[in-house]
Protein backbone atom coordinates (compact mmCIF):
# COMPACT_ATOMS: atom_id res chain seq x y z
CA MET A 1 140.10 58.84 115.21
CA LYS A 2 137.27 60.55 113.33
CA ASN A 3 139.06 63.91 113.63
CA ALA A 4 142.30 62.35 112.38
CA LYS A 5 140.53 60.86 109.37
CA ARG A 6 138.81 64.18 108.68
CA TYR A 7 142.15 66.02 108.87
CA ALA A 8 143.72 63.48 106.53
CA VAL A 9 140.90 63.95 104.01
CA ILE A 10 141.29 67.74 104.16
CA THR A 11 145.06 67.48 103.76
CA ILE A 12 144.78 65.11 100.79
CA SER A 13 142.11 67.36 99.23
CA SER A 14 144.33 70.40 99.74
CA VAL A 15 147.28 68.74 98.06
CA ALA A 16 145.10 67.62 95.15
CA LEU A 17 143.61 71.08 94.68
CA PHE A 18 147.00 72.73 94.92
CA ALA A 19 148.34 70.37 92.28
CA MET A 20 145.38 71.10 90.02
CA PHE A 21 145.17 74.87 90.36
CA SER A 22 148.34 76.43 91.76
CA PHE A 23 150.37 78.65 89.50
CA THR A 24 154.00 78.19 88.59
CA ALA A 25 156.17 80.32 90.89
CA PRO A 26 156.78 83.66 89.16
CA ASP A 27 160.20 84.44 87.75
CA LYS A 28 161.73 87.29 89.77
CA THR A 29 163.64 88.51 86.72
CA SER A 30 160.44 88.92 84.70
CA PRO A 31 159.14 92.47 84.17
CA ASN A 32 155.71 91.08 85.16
CA TYR A 33 156.98 89.59 88.42
CA ASN A 34 154.83 91.76 90.72
CA PHE A 35 151.72 91.12 88.63
CA ALA A 36 152.26 87.34 88.64
CA LYS A 37 153.11 87.35 92.34
CA SER A 38 149.91 89.27 93.22
CA LEU A 39 147.79 86.94 91.10
CA ASP A 40 149.37 83.90 92.74
CA ILE A 41 148.73 85.26 96.24
CA PHE A 42 145.11 86.12 95.41
CA PHE A 43 144.49 82.62 94.08
CA ASN A 44 146.13 81.03 97.12
CA VAL A 45 144.07 83.11 99.57
CA LEU A 46 140.84 82.25 97.76
CA ARG A 47 141.76 78.55 97.70
CA GLU A 48 142.60 78.47 101.42
CA ILE A 49 139.32 80.21 102.33
CA ASN A 50 137.35 77.86 100.11
CA ILE A 51 138.89 74.79 101.78
CA PHE A 52 139.37 75.77 105.41
CA TYR A 53 136.96 78.58 106.33
CA VAL A 54 134.71 77.48 109.20
CA ASP A 55 131.45 78.17 107.34
CA SER A 56 130.54 77.48 103.74
CA VAL A 57 131.34 80.35 101.40
CA LYS A 58 130.40 81.25 97.86
CA SER A 59 133.67 81.74 96.05
CA GLU A 60 131.93 83.63 93.23
CA ASP A 61 130.67 86.22 95.73
CA LEU A 62 134.14 86.60 97.24
CA VAL A 63 135.67 87.09 93.80
CA LYS A 64 133.01 89.62 92.79
CA THR A 65 133.57 91.61 95.99
CA GLY A 66 137.33 91.47 95.48
CA ILE A 67 137.04 92.68 91.90
CA ASN A 68 134.66 95.54 92.80
CA GLU A 69 136.84 96.70 95.69
CA MET A 70 139.94 96.56 93.51
CA LEU A 71 138.32 98.62 90.74
CA SER A 72 136.94 101.17 93.22
CA THR A 73 140.53 102.27 93.95
CA LEU A 74 140.92 103.40 90.32
CA ASP A 75 137.99 105.60 89.23
CA PRO A 76 134.17 105.41 89.29
CA TYR A 77 133.97 104.49 85.62
CA THR A 78 136.11 101.34 85.66
CA THR A 79 133.57 98.67 86.63
CA TYR A 80 132.91 94.95 86.49
CA ILE A 81 129.79 93.87 84.61
CA PRO A 82 128.82 90.29 85.52
CA ASN A 83 126.59 88.23 83.29
CA GLU A 84 123.45 89.02 85.31
CA ASP A 85 123.97 92.78 84.78
CA MET A 86 124.63 92.65 81.03
CA ALA A 87 120.99 93.42 80.13
CA ASP A 88 121.12 96.67 82.11
CA PHE A 89 124.47 97.56 80.53
CA GLU A 90 123.08 96.98 77.03
CA PHE A 91 120.09 99.19 77.87
CA MET A 92 122.48 101.98 78.88
CA THR A 93 124.31 101.81 75.55
CA THR A 94 121.39 101.12 73.22
CA GLY A 95 118.53 102.81 75.10
CA GLN A 96 116.25 99.87 74.35
CA TYR A 97 114.76 96.78 76.01
CA GLY A 98 111.82 94.42 75.60
CA GLY A 99 108.79 95.44 77.65
CA MET A 100 105.65 97.56 77.80
CA GLY A 101 107.19 101.04 78.11
CA ALA A 102 106.29 102.54 81.48
CA LEU A 103 107.89 103.72 84.69
CA ILE A 104 106.55 102.13 87.88
CA ARG A 105 106.81 102.85 91.59
CA LYS A 106 105.86 101.21 94.88
CA THR A 107 102.58 102.40 96.43
CA GLY A 108 101.49 100.66 99.62
CA ASP A 109 101.45 96.90 99.02
CA TYR A 110 101.28 97.17 95.24
CA ILE A 111 102.91 98.75 92.22
CA GLU A 112 101.64 101.91 90.55
CA ILE A 113 102.08 102.99 86.95
CA SER A 114 103.89 106.33 87.32
CA GLU A 115 104.61 107.29 83.70
CA PRO A 116 103.72 105.43 80.49
CA TYR A 117 105.87 106.24 77.47
CA GLU A 118 103.96 107.73 74.56
CA SER A 119 103.13 105.36 71.67
CA PHE A 120 104.34 102.23 73.46
CA PRO A 121 102.23 99.21 74.60
CA ALA A 122 101.35 100.50 78.09
CA ALA A 123 99.98 103.78 76.72
CA LYS A 124 98.25 102.07 73.80
CA ALA A 125 96.54 99.70 76.27
CA GLY A 126 95.11 102.70 78.13
CA LEU A 127 97.31 102.51 81.23
CA VAL A 128 97.68 105.89 82.94
CA PRO A 129 99.67 107.20 85.90
CA GLY A 130 97.90 106.10 89.08
CA ASP A 131 96.65 102.77 87.72
CA LEU A 132 97.46 100.07 90.28
CA LEU A 133 99.16 96.88 89.10
CA ILE A 134 97.93 94.03 91.31
CA GLY A 135 98.76 90.97 89.22
CA ILE A 136 100.90 89.68 86.34
CA ASP A 137 100.02 86.45 84.53
CA GLY A 138 97.88 85.24 87.42
CA LYS A 139 100.46 86.03 90.13
CA THR A 140 99.63 88.60 92.78
CA MET A 141 101.96 91.60 93.08
CA LYS A 142 101.07 92.24 96.70
CA GLY A 143 104.28 92.84 98.64
CA VAL A 144 106.51 92.13 95.62
CA ASP A 145 109.60 94.34 95.34
CA VAL A 146 109.49 96.91 92.52
CA THR A 147 112.75 95.54 91.04
CA LYS A 148 111.21 92.06 90.70
CA VAL A 149 108.04 93.49 89.16
CA SER A 150 110.15 95.43 86.65
CA ALA A 151 111.96 92.22 85.67
CA MET A 152 108.61 90.41 85.23
CA LEU A 153 107.31 93.14 82.94
CA LYS A 154 110.34 92.88 80.68
CA GLY A 155 110.74 90.04 78.21
CA LYS A 156 111.16 88.98 74.64
CA PRO A 157 109.54 91.37 72.14
CA GLY A 158 106.37 89.77 70.77
CA SER A 159 105.60 87.83 73.94
CA LYS A 160 102.28 88.49 75.69
CA MET A 161 101.43 89.13 79.34
CA ASN A 162 98.18 89.59 81.21
CA LEU A 163 98.00 92.36 83.78
CA ARG A 164 95.43 92.73 86.54
CA VAL A 165 94.93 96.48 87.03
CA VAL A 166 92.81 98.70 89.28
CA LYS A 167 91.95 101.68 87.09
CA LEU A 168 92.51 105.13 88.59
CA ARG A 169 89.35 106.84 87.42
CA SER A 170 86.73 104.11 87.62
CA LYS A 171 88.34 102.07 90.45
CA ASP A 172 87.25 99.00 88.48
CA THR A 173 89.55 96.00 88.24
CA ALA A 174 90.42 95.15 84.64
CA ASN A 175 92.39 92.49 82.80
CA VAL A 176 94.80 94.07 80.32
CA GLU A 177 96.66 92.00 77.73
CA ILE A 178 99.88 93.56 76.52
CA THR A 179 102.27 92.40 73.82
CA ARG A 180 105.82 93.34 74.67
CA GLN A 181 107.81 95.20 72.06
CA VAL A 182 111.24 96.73 71.70
CA ILE A 183 111.18 99.85 73.86
CA ARG A 184 113.65 102.45 72.72
CA ILE A 185 113.80 105.51 74.93
CA PRO A 186 114.04 108.51 72.59
CA ALA A 187 117.22 110.55 72.83
CA VAL A 188 115.22 113.59 71.69
CA PRO A 189 111.99 113.54 73.73
CA PHE A 190 110.97 117.00 72.51
CA TYR A 191 111.79 119.54 69.83
CA GLY A 192 109.85 122.51 68.50
CA ILE A 193 109.75 126.20 67.63
CA VAL A 194 109.67 127.90 71.02
CA LYS A 195 110.06 131.61 70.41
CA ASP A 196 110.58 134.00 67.47
CA LYS A 197 111.72 131.29 65.03
CA VAL A 198 114.08 129.78 67.63
CA GLY A 199 114.21 125.99 67.30
CA TYR A 200 114.74 123.96 70.46
CA ILE A 201 116.05 120.37 70.77
CA ARG A 202 116.09 118.54 74.12
CA PHE A 203 118.83 115.90 73.84
CA THR A 204 119.03 113.49 76.79
CA ASN A 205 121.46 110.62 76.02
CA PHE A 206 124.13 109.39 73.61
CA THR A 207 122.81 105.94 72.81
CA THR A 208 122.99 104.04 69.52
CA ASP A 209 121.75 106.13 66.56
CA CYS A 210 120.87 109.12 68.73
CA SER A 211 122.56 111.40 66.17
CA LYS A 212 119.87 110.39 63.66
CA GLU A 213 117.19 111.71 66.04
CA VAL A 214 119.02 115.02 66.44
CA LYS A 215 119.43 115.26 62.66
CA GLU A 216 115.73 114.59 62.06
CA ALA A 217 114.80 117.22 64.65
CA LEU A 218 117.17 119.78 63.12
CA ILE A 219 115.89 119.23 59.57
CA SER A 220 112.26 119.38 60.75
CA LEU A 221 112.83 122.64 62.64
CA LYS A 222 114.45 124.23 59.61
CA LYS A 223 111.44 123.21 57.50
CA GLN A 224 109.19 124.81 60.15
CA GLY A 225 111.06 128.09 59.71
CA ALA A 226 113.65 127.99 62.50
CA THR A 227 116.40 130.57 61.93
CA SER A 228 118.45 129.62 65.01
CA ILE A 229 118.83 126.52 67.19
CA VAL A 230 119.16 125.82 70.92
CA LEU A 231 120.60 122.37 71.65
CA ASP A 232 119.84 121.47 75.28
CA LEU A 233 122.39 119.04 76.77
CA ARG A 234 121.55 119.72 80.42
CA GLY A 235 121.49 116.54 82.46
CA ASN A 236 122.80 114.48 79.53
CA PRO A 237 125.34 112.07 81.11
CA GLY A 238 126.97 111.13 77.80
CA GLY A 239 127.45 107.74 76.20
CA LEU A 240 128.85 106.71 72.83
CA LEU A 241 131.79 108.79 71.58
CA ASN A 242 131.12 108.14 67.89
CA GLU A 243 127.58 109.50 68.28
CA ALA A 244 129.02 112.71 69.77
CA VAL A 245 131.19 113.14 66.66
CA LYS A 246 128.15 112.64 64.42
CA VAL A 247 126.16 115.27 66.33
CA VAL A 248 128.98 117.82 65.94
CA ASN A 249 129.09 116.88 62.24
CA LEU A 250 125.55 118.22 61.80
CA PHE A 251 126.91 121.75 62.31
CA VAL A 252 130.50 121.65 60.97
CA PRO A 253 132.04 120.64 57.62
CA ARG A 254 133.31 117.18 56.70
CA GLY A 255 136.91 116.43 57.68
CA GLN A 256 136.94 118.53 60.86
CA LEU A 257 138.79 117.11 63.89
CA VAL A 258 136.33 116.75 66.77
CA VAL A 259 138.15 114.70 69.41
CA SER A 260 141.30 112.63 69.89
CA THR A 261 141.98 109.95 72.50
CA LYS A 262 145.33 109.19 74.11
CA GLY A 263 146.10 106.33 76.52
CA LYS A 264 148.84 104.00 77.75
CA ILE A 265 148.75 101.79 74.65
CA LYS A 266 149.83 104.16 71.89
CA GLU A 267 148.56 101.85 69.14
CA PHE A 268 145.04 102.49 70.43
CA ASP A 269 145.33 106.30 70.26
CA ALA A 270 142.82 107.66 67.77
CA THR A 271 141.51 110.81 66.16
CA TYR A 272 137.87 111.29 65.23
CA LYS A 273 136.91 113.59 62.39
CA THR A 274 133.57 114.42 60.82
CA GLU A 275 132.85 112.13 57.87
CA ALA A 276 129.50 113.25 56.46
CA GLU A 277 128.10 116.36 54.85
CA PRO A 278 126.67 118.70 57.51
CA VAL A 279 123.06 119.84 57.73
CA ASP A 280 123.85 123.52 58.36
CA THR A 281 127.22 125.15 59.08
CA SER A 282 125.95 128.71 59.55
CA ILE A 283 122.64 128.65 61.44
CA PRO A 284 123.16 130.45 64.79
CA LEU A 285 123.61 127.81 67.49
CA VAL A 286 123.38 127.95 71.30
CA VAL A 287 124.26 124.93 73.44
CA LEU A 288 122.74 124.66 76.93
CA VAL A 289 124.79 122.81 79.58
CA ASN A 290 124.93 122.31 83.33
CA SER A 291 126.85 120.25 85.89
CA GLY A 292 124.94 117.16 84.75
CA SER A 293 126.30 117.45 81.20
CA ALA A 294 129.13 114.93 81.04
CA SER A 295 131.42 112.93 78.77
CA ALA A 296 129.97 112.88 75.22
CA SER A 297 127.94 115.99 76.11
CA GLU A 298 131.20 117.74 76.86
CA ILE A 299 132.71 116.55 73.58
CA VAL A 300 129.81 118.16 71.72
CA SER A 301 129.66 121.39 73.72
CA GLY A 302 133.46 121.72 74.06
CA SER A 303 134.15 120.98 70.39
CA LEU A 304 131.53 123.44 69.16
CA GLN A 305 133.01 126.01 71.54
CA ASP A 306 136.58 125.32 70.39
CA LEU A 307 135.50 125.66 66.76
CA ASP A 308 133.67 128.92 67.58
CA ARG A 309 130.58 127.31 66.08
CA ALA A 310 128.26 127.74 69.09
CA VAL A 311 127.76 129.90 72.14
CA VAL A 312 127.66 127.76 75.30
CA VAL A 313 125.16 128.88 77.96
CA GLY A 314 124.46 127.64 81.49
CA ASN A 315 126.80 126.26 84.15
CA ARG A 316 130.18 124.57 84.11
CA THR A 317 129.86 120.98 82.89
CA PHE A 318 130.71 117.88 84.94
CA GLY A 319 134.32 117.44 83.81
CA LYS A 320 134.61 113.83 82.60
CA GLY A 321 137.42 113.58 80.08
CA LEU A 322 137.99 109.84 80.39
CA VAL A 323 137.23 107.19 77.78
CA GLN A 324 136.06 103.67 78.69
CA THR A 325 136.41 100.45 76.70
CA THR A 326 134.64 97.18 77.51
CA ARG A 327 136.72 94.00 77.49
CA PRO A 328 135.41 90.41 77.76
CA VAL A 329 136.60 88.50 80.83
CA GLY A 330 134.80 85.21 80.27
CA TYR A 331 131.42 83.68 81.14
CA ASN A 332 129.57 86.49 79.32
CA SER A 333 131.01 89.05 81.74
CA GLN A 334 132.80 92.27 80.87
CA VAL A 335 135.03 94.80 82.51
CA LYS A 336 134.64 98.44 81.54
CA ILE A 337 138.09 100.02 81.75
CA THR A 338 139.22 103.63 81.50
CA THR A 339 141.71 103.34 78.65
CA ALA A 340 142.31 106.93 77.53
CA LYS A 341 141.67 110.61 78.00
CA TYR A 342 140.00 112.62 75.29
CA TYR A 343 141.10 115.96 73.89
CA ILE A 344 138.84 118.36 71.99
CA PRO A 345 140.00 120.48 68.99
CA SER A 346 141.90 123.16 70.95
CA GLY A 347 143.97 120.38 72.54
CA ARG A 348 142.46 120.66 76.02
CA CYS A 349 141.21 117.81 78.22
CA ILE A 350 138.23 118.75 80.37
CA GLN A 351 138.79 116.11 83.10
CA ALA A 352 138.12 117.79 86.46
CA LEU A 353 139.21 115.17 89.03
CA ASP A 354 142.71 113.70 89.21
CA TYR A 355 142.19 110.04 90.15
CA SER A 356 145.88 109.22 89.63
CA HIS A 357 146.96 111.42 92.56
CA ARG A 358 144.66 110.79 95.50
CA ASN A 359 144.89 112.61 98.82
CA ALA A 360 146.23 110.86 101.91
CA ASP A 361 142.68 110.01 103.04
CA GLY A 362 141.87 108.45 99.67
CA SER A 363 139.74 111.34 98.46
CA VAL A 364 140.17 112.79 95.00
CA GLY A 365 141.07 116.42 94.41
CA THR A 366 140.38 118.69 91.47
CA VAL A 367 143.11 119.78 89.11
CA PRO A 368 144.91 122.62 90.95
CA ASP A 369 144.85 126.14 89.47
CA SER A 370 148.63 126.01 88.99
CA LEU A 371 148.20 123.16 86.49
CA ILE A 372 145.30 124.67 84.54
CA THR A 373 146.47 125.56 81.03
CA ALA A 374 145.20 128.07 78.49
CA PHE A 375 144.30 126.97 74.96
CA LYS A 376 143.09 128.78 71.85
CA THR A 377 139.86 128.30 69.91
CA LYS A 378 139.76 128.33 66.12
CA ASN A 379 139.31 132.13 66.08
CA GLY A 380 141.89 132.76 68.81
CA ARG A 381 139.74 132.98 71.94
CA THR A 382 141.35 131.73 75.15
CA VAL A 383 139.75 128.73 76.86
CA TYR A 384 140.96 126.52 79.71
CA ASP A 385 141.29 122.85 80.58
CA GLY A 386 141.07 121.05 83.90
CA GLY A 387 137.48 121.47 84.98
CA GLY A 388 134.73 120.82 82.50
CA VAL A 389 133.49 123.17 79.78
CA MET A 390 133.03 126.72 81.01
CA PRO A 391 130.00 128.42 79.46
CA ASP A 392 130.44 131.58 77.41
CA VAL A 393 127.37 132.95 79.20
CA LYS A 394 126.92 131.80 82.78
CA VAL A 395 123.30 131.52 83.93
CA ASP A 396 122.82 130.04 87.38
CA PHE A 397 120.34 127.20 87.71
CA GLU A 398 117.55 127.90 90.18
CA GLN A 399 117.79 125.17 92.79
CA MET A 400 114.65 123.43 93.96
CA SER A 401 113.53 124.41 97.45
CA LYS A 402 113.86 121.75 100.13
CA ILE A 403 110.09 121.50 100.44
CA GLY A 404 109.84 121.08 96.67
CA ILE A 405 112.42 118.29 96.71
CA SER A 406 110.52 116.56 99.51
CA LEU A 407 107.11 116.82 97.80
CA VAL A 408 108.43 115.53 94.48
CA GLY A 409 110.68 112.86 96.01
CA ARG A 410 107.93 111.41 98.20
CA GLY A 411 105.54 111.27 95.25
CA LEU A 412 103.06 113.70 96.78
CA ILE A 413 102.95 115.92 93.70
CA GLY A 414 102.01 112.88 91.62
CA ASP A 415 99.55 111.59 94.23
CA TYR A 416 97.64 114.87 94.26
CA ILE A 417 97.61 115.11 90.47
CA ASN A 418 96.16 111.59 90.35
CA GLU A 419 93.18 112.91 92.30
CA TYR A 420 93.03 116.09 90.21
CA TYR A 421 93.13 114.02 87.00
CA VAL A 422 90.12 111.98 88.14
CA LYS A 423 88.07 115.16 88.67
CA HIS A 424 89.24 117.08 85.56
CA THR A 425 88.73 115.31 82.26
CA ASP A 426 89.28 118.18 79.81
CA VAL A 427 92.57 117.96 77.90
CA PRO A 428 94.70 120.92 79.04
CA ASN A 429 96.54 123.29 76.72
CA ILE A 430 100.28 122.72 77.17
CA LEU A 431 101.26 126.38 77.49
CA GLY A 432 97.94 127.88 78.59
CA PHE A 433 96.94 125.66 81.52
CA LYS A 434 97.14 127.18 85.02
CA LEU A 435 96.06 125.95 88.43
CA THR A 436 93.82 128.35 90.30
CA ASP A 437 94.50 129.57 93.84
CA ALA A 438 91.56 127.39 94.92
CA ASP A 439 93.30 124.38 93.37
CA TYR A 440 96.46 125.18 95.30
CA ASP A 441 94.53 125.58 98.55
CA ASP A 442 93.04 122.14 97.87
CA PHE A 443 96.58 120.76 97.46
CA VAL A 444 97.59 122.28 100.80
CA ARG A 445 94.61 120.54 102.45
CA PHE A 446 95.62 117.30 100.72
CA LEU A 447 99.02 117.52 102.47
CA GLU A 448 97.59 117.94 105.98
CA ASN A 449 97.91 114.27 106.96
CA LYS A 450 100.95 113.52 104.76
CA GLU A 451 104.57 113.06 105.84
CA TYR A 452 107.05 115.23 103.98
CA ASP A 453 109.46 116.73 106.50
CA TYR A 454 112.85 117.99 105.35
CA THR A 455 115.97 119.73 106.62
CA THR A 456 117.20 122.99 105.12
CA GLN A 457 120.81 124.19 105.03
CA THR A 458 119.73 126.94 107.41
CA ASP A 459 118.53 124.27 109.89
CA VAL A 460 121.94 122.58 109.68
CA LEU A 461 123.84 125.83 110.28
CA LEU A 462 121.59 126.79 113.20
CA LYS A 463 122.27 123.41 114.82
CA GLN A 464 126.01 123.89 114.27
CA LEU A 465 125.81 127.36 115.83
CA GLU A 466 123.97 126.01 118.87
CA ASP A 467 126.44 123.14 119.30
CA ALA A 468 129.43 125.48 118.93
CA ALA A 469 127.97 127.91 121.47
CA LYS A 470 127.52 125.08 123.98
CA LYS A 471 131.03 123.77 123.36
CA ASP A 472 132.53 127.24 123.84
CA LYS A 473 130.31 127.84 126.91
CA TYR A 474 128.55 130.86 125.38
CA TYR A 475 125.15 129.22 125.08
CA ALA A 476 123.88 130.23 128.54
CA HIS A 477 124.60 133.90 127.75
CA ALA A 478 123.19 133.80 124.21
CA GLN A 479 120.36 131.29 124.54
CA GLY A 480 117.65 133.90 124.04
CA GLU A 481 119.21 135.28 120.86
CA ILE A 482 119.84 131.77 119.47
CA GLU A 483 116.26 130.69 120.18
CA GLN A 484 115.00 133.85 118.50
CA LEU A 485 117.12 133.08 115.44
CA LYS A 486 115.77 129.52 115.34
CA LYS A 487 112.24 130.86 115.56
CA GLN A 488 112.84 133.22 112.64
CA LEU A 489 114.90 130.96 110.39
CA SER A 490 113.95 127.33 111.11
CA HIS A 491 111.76 125.90 108.40
CA ASP A 492 108.00 125.85 108.85
CA LYS A 493 106.03 123.72 106.40
CA LYS A 494 102.96 125.96 106.40
CA LYS A 495 105.06 129.07 105.78
CA ASP A 496 107.11 127.31 103.10
CA LEU A 497 103.97 126.25 101.25
CA VAL A 498 103.17 129.97 100.97
CA LEU A 499 106.75 131.15 100.35
CA PHE A 500 107.37 128.63 97.55
CA LYS A 501 103.83 128.62 96.17
CA ASP A 502 104.82 129.62 92.61
CA GLU A 503 107.52 126.95 92.43
CA ILE A 504 105.26 124.18 93.77
CA LYS A 505 102.39 125.23 91.48
CA SER A 506 104.70 124.90 88.47
CA TYR A 507 105.56 121.31 89.51
CA LEU A 508 101.86 120.49 89.82
CA GLU A 509 101.06 122.06 86.45
CA ASP A 510 103.91 120.23 84.70
CA GLU A 511 102.75 116.94 86.21
CA PHE A 512 99.16 117.43 85.06
CA ILE A 513 100.28 118.35 81.53
CA GLY A 514 102.23 115.07 81.46
CA ARG A 515 99.05 113.09 82.11
CA TYR A 516 97.77 114.02 78.65
CA HIS A 517 100.83 115.13 76.68
CA TYR A 518 103.45 112.74 78.09
CA GLN A 519 107.13 113.65 78.43
CA ARG A 520 107.19 115.98 75.42
CA GLY A 521 104.41 118.09 76.96
CA LYS A 522 106.09 118.26 80.36
CA ILE A 523 109.34 119.45 78.77
CA GLU A 524 107.67 122.10 76.63
CA ARG A 525 105.67 123.33 79.63
CA SER A 526 108.71 123.44 81.94
CA LEU A 527 110.55 125.85 79.62
CA ILE A 528 108.16 128.63 80.64
CA ASN A 529 109.74 128.90 84.10
CA ASP A 530 113.30 127.98 83.07
CA PRO A 531 115.66 131.01 83.32
CA GLN A 532 118.54 129.21 81.60
CA ALA A 533 116.38 128.22 78.64
CA GLN A 534 114.84 131.68 78.39
CA GLN A 535 118.31 133.28 78.31
CA ALA A 536 119.38 130.80 75.61
CA PHE A 537 116.28 131.60 73.52
CA LYS A 538 116.99 135.33 73.83
CA LEU A 539 120.60 134.89 72.77
CA ALA A 540 119.71 132.56 69.89
CA GLY A 541 117.46 135.28 68.53
CA ASP A 542 120.19 137.92 68.75
CA GLU A 543 122.74 136.96 66.09
CA LYS A 544 124.82 140.12 66.60
CA LYS A 545 125.25 139.45 70.33
CA ALA A 546 126.10 135.80 69.68
CA LYS A 547 128.83 136.78 67.21
CA GLU A 548 130.28 139.24 69.73
CA LEU A 549 130.49 136.49 72.37
CA LEU A 550 132.41 134.26 69.96
CA THR A 551 135.23 136.83 69.99
CA GLN A 552 135.49 137.16 73.77
CA THR A 553 138.06 135.33 75.91
CA GLN A 554 136.91 133.23 78.87
CA THR A 555 137.85 134.02 82.44
CA LYS A 556 139.87 131.29 84.14
CA LYS A 557 137.20 130.38 86.67
C-alpha cells in the first residue's frame, strides 16, 4: 500500500511538473524545428532525471556539465561563464582586482609569498618572497588550499585584513595589517633603452587601457633618445580587439584599416580603422613574437607586417584568428561565443586550426597547404594565411632543458634564492650581478636531498627502442648495444647540473635580481641571455637592413 501511494504521488507530481514546464510540441514545418526539438528533448531528459533518478541530483550541476560538454565540441574559446566565475573573467579583461598584490604558492602546510608586485600593498608592507603566511584575520592557514587562501586575500578595495607572517630573514612572527586596493597588473612591466639607442617595450596583455601604457612607454623612450623601437609581444595571449587597433595606431596614420571581422550575422560584420593621431610613423620598428603570441598580438604584429611598418622577428605566432563576444544568459552568467573571424589589412586570416572540419577521431587539423593562399602587403610583398604570422626573420627560441624545467617548476630555484637572499643583503646591480662558481657549487649541495627527477625526450626514445627490439625479438641479440646506449644517453642529474650550468645559473641570477628589483628587473636581466631579443636589438639598430627586409617576400612555410 505504501509503495502504491508513493507511486501515485510520483505520478501526480510528474503530471504537475510536465504541465508547468513542458514545451509546446515543435512545428515540423518551422525552419527551427530541429533546434526546438533538441531543446524539448534536453528539458524532458533533465526533468525525468530530476524526478526519477535513484539518488538525489543537483540539476544545476547536470546543466553546467551539459553546457560545457556541448561547447567543447565547437572550439576552445566558446565557453560558459557561470556567476561564480565572473570575477575571474573580469580580471582577464580588465587586468585588475581588489587585493594586496602578490603571487602565493603552497609550501608544506602553509602558504608562501612567492612574488609581491612592486608598489602595491604587499610590497609596501614589507612582504618579500619566502615570507610564510600562517594566518589571516585570526584564522590559521595551516592545511588550507592555496585557491581558498587567494580568495581570502582578495576583497573590496579599502577593506583591511590582518596577516600573521613568519618573516624570511629574521624568522620572527609578525602581525601585518594591509589595506586592500585595486590591483591592476601592468600590461607593460618593463621598458627602457637597452642598446645603442634601441628602445624596448615588453607588452604582456591586451587588457583595458593597455594601449595607454604602450603609448606612455613609447613617448618616454623617445624623450630618452631612442631612435628605434622593439615591441616584444612574446607570450602575449591577446585580449581586447579595440586595444590592438589603438596600439597599431601609435605607429600608423589616422584612418588606416587595421582589422575587419566577418561572421554568420552580416549585420555584425565590422571594420576597425585607426582614429587618433599617431605618435611616430617613421621610427624603425621591430616586433618580437613567438608561438605564445595570439589573437590581439597577431592583429598587431600581422597588421604592422601587412602595412610594411615593422619587421617581425622570432617564431611563427599561435594562429588564433577567431573573435569572441560575450552574451548574457541570465542569473549573472555569460556565454563567450566565437562570432567571427578577423582579417588583417592584406585580407588574410591567420587562423591555424580548422574547428569546423574535425577529423574522424574528433581531433582538429591545421589548414592544409593546398588551401593556404598568398596575399600582398602594402608594398607588394607576398605573405600567407592559414597558420599564424610568419616572422620576417626567424630566430629559434632556446628551449629550457628538462632539468631546468624541473628545478623551476618544483620551486627549487626560488627556495635556494630564499636562502641566498637571507645571507646576502647588498642590493645587486641588475646587469652586473653574477653568481660565483662557489655559489653554484653551494646550490648543487642544496639539491642533494631534494626531489626533482625528470624525463628527457631521449629517455622516451630509448624506452621505445628497447620495447620495439623486444617486440621484434631483436633484444637478446642487441641487449649489450642498447644498454651501452642507455648508459651514454640516459639523463644523469649530476652530469646535467654540469652540462646546463650556464642556463641554471641564469635562472638563479634572474630570481635574485627579482628579490630587489621586482618583475621589471627580472625582465631587463633576462634579455642578456635572450638570443631572440639580441637579434631584434641588432636589427633595430640597422635601419638599412630593416628596410631591405621590408621588400623581401616570405617563404610559404
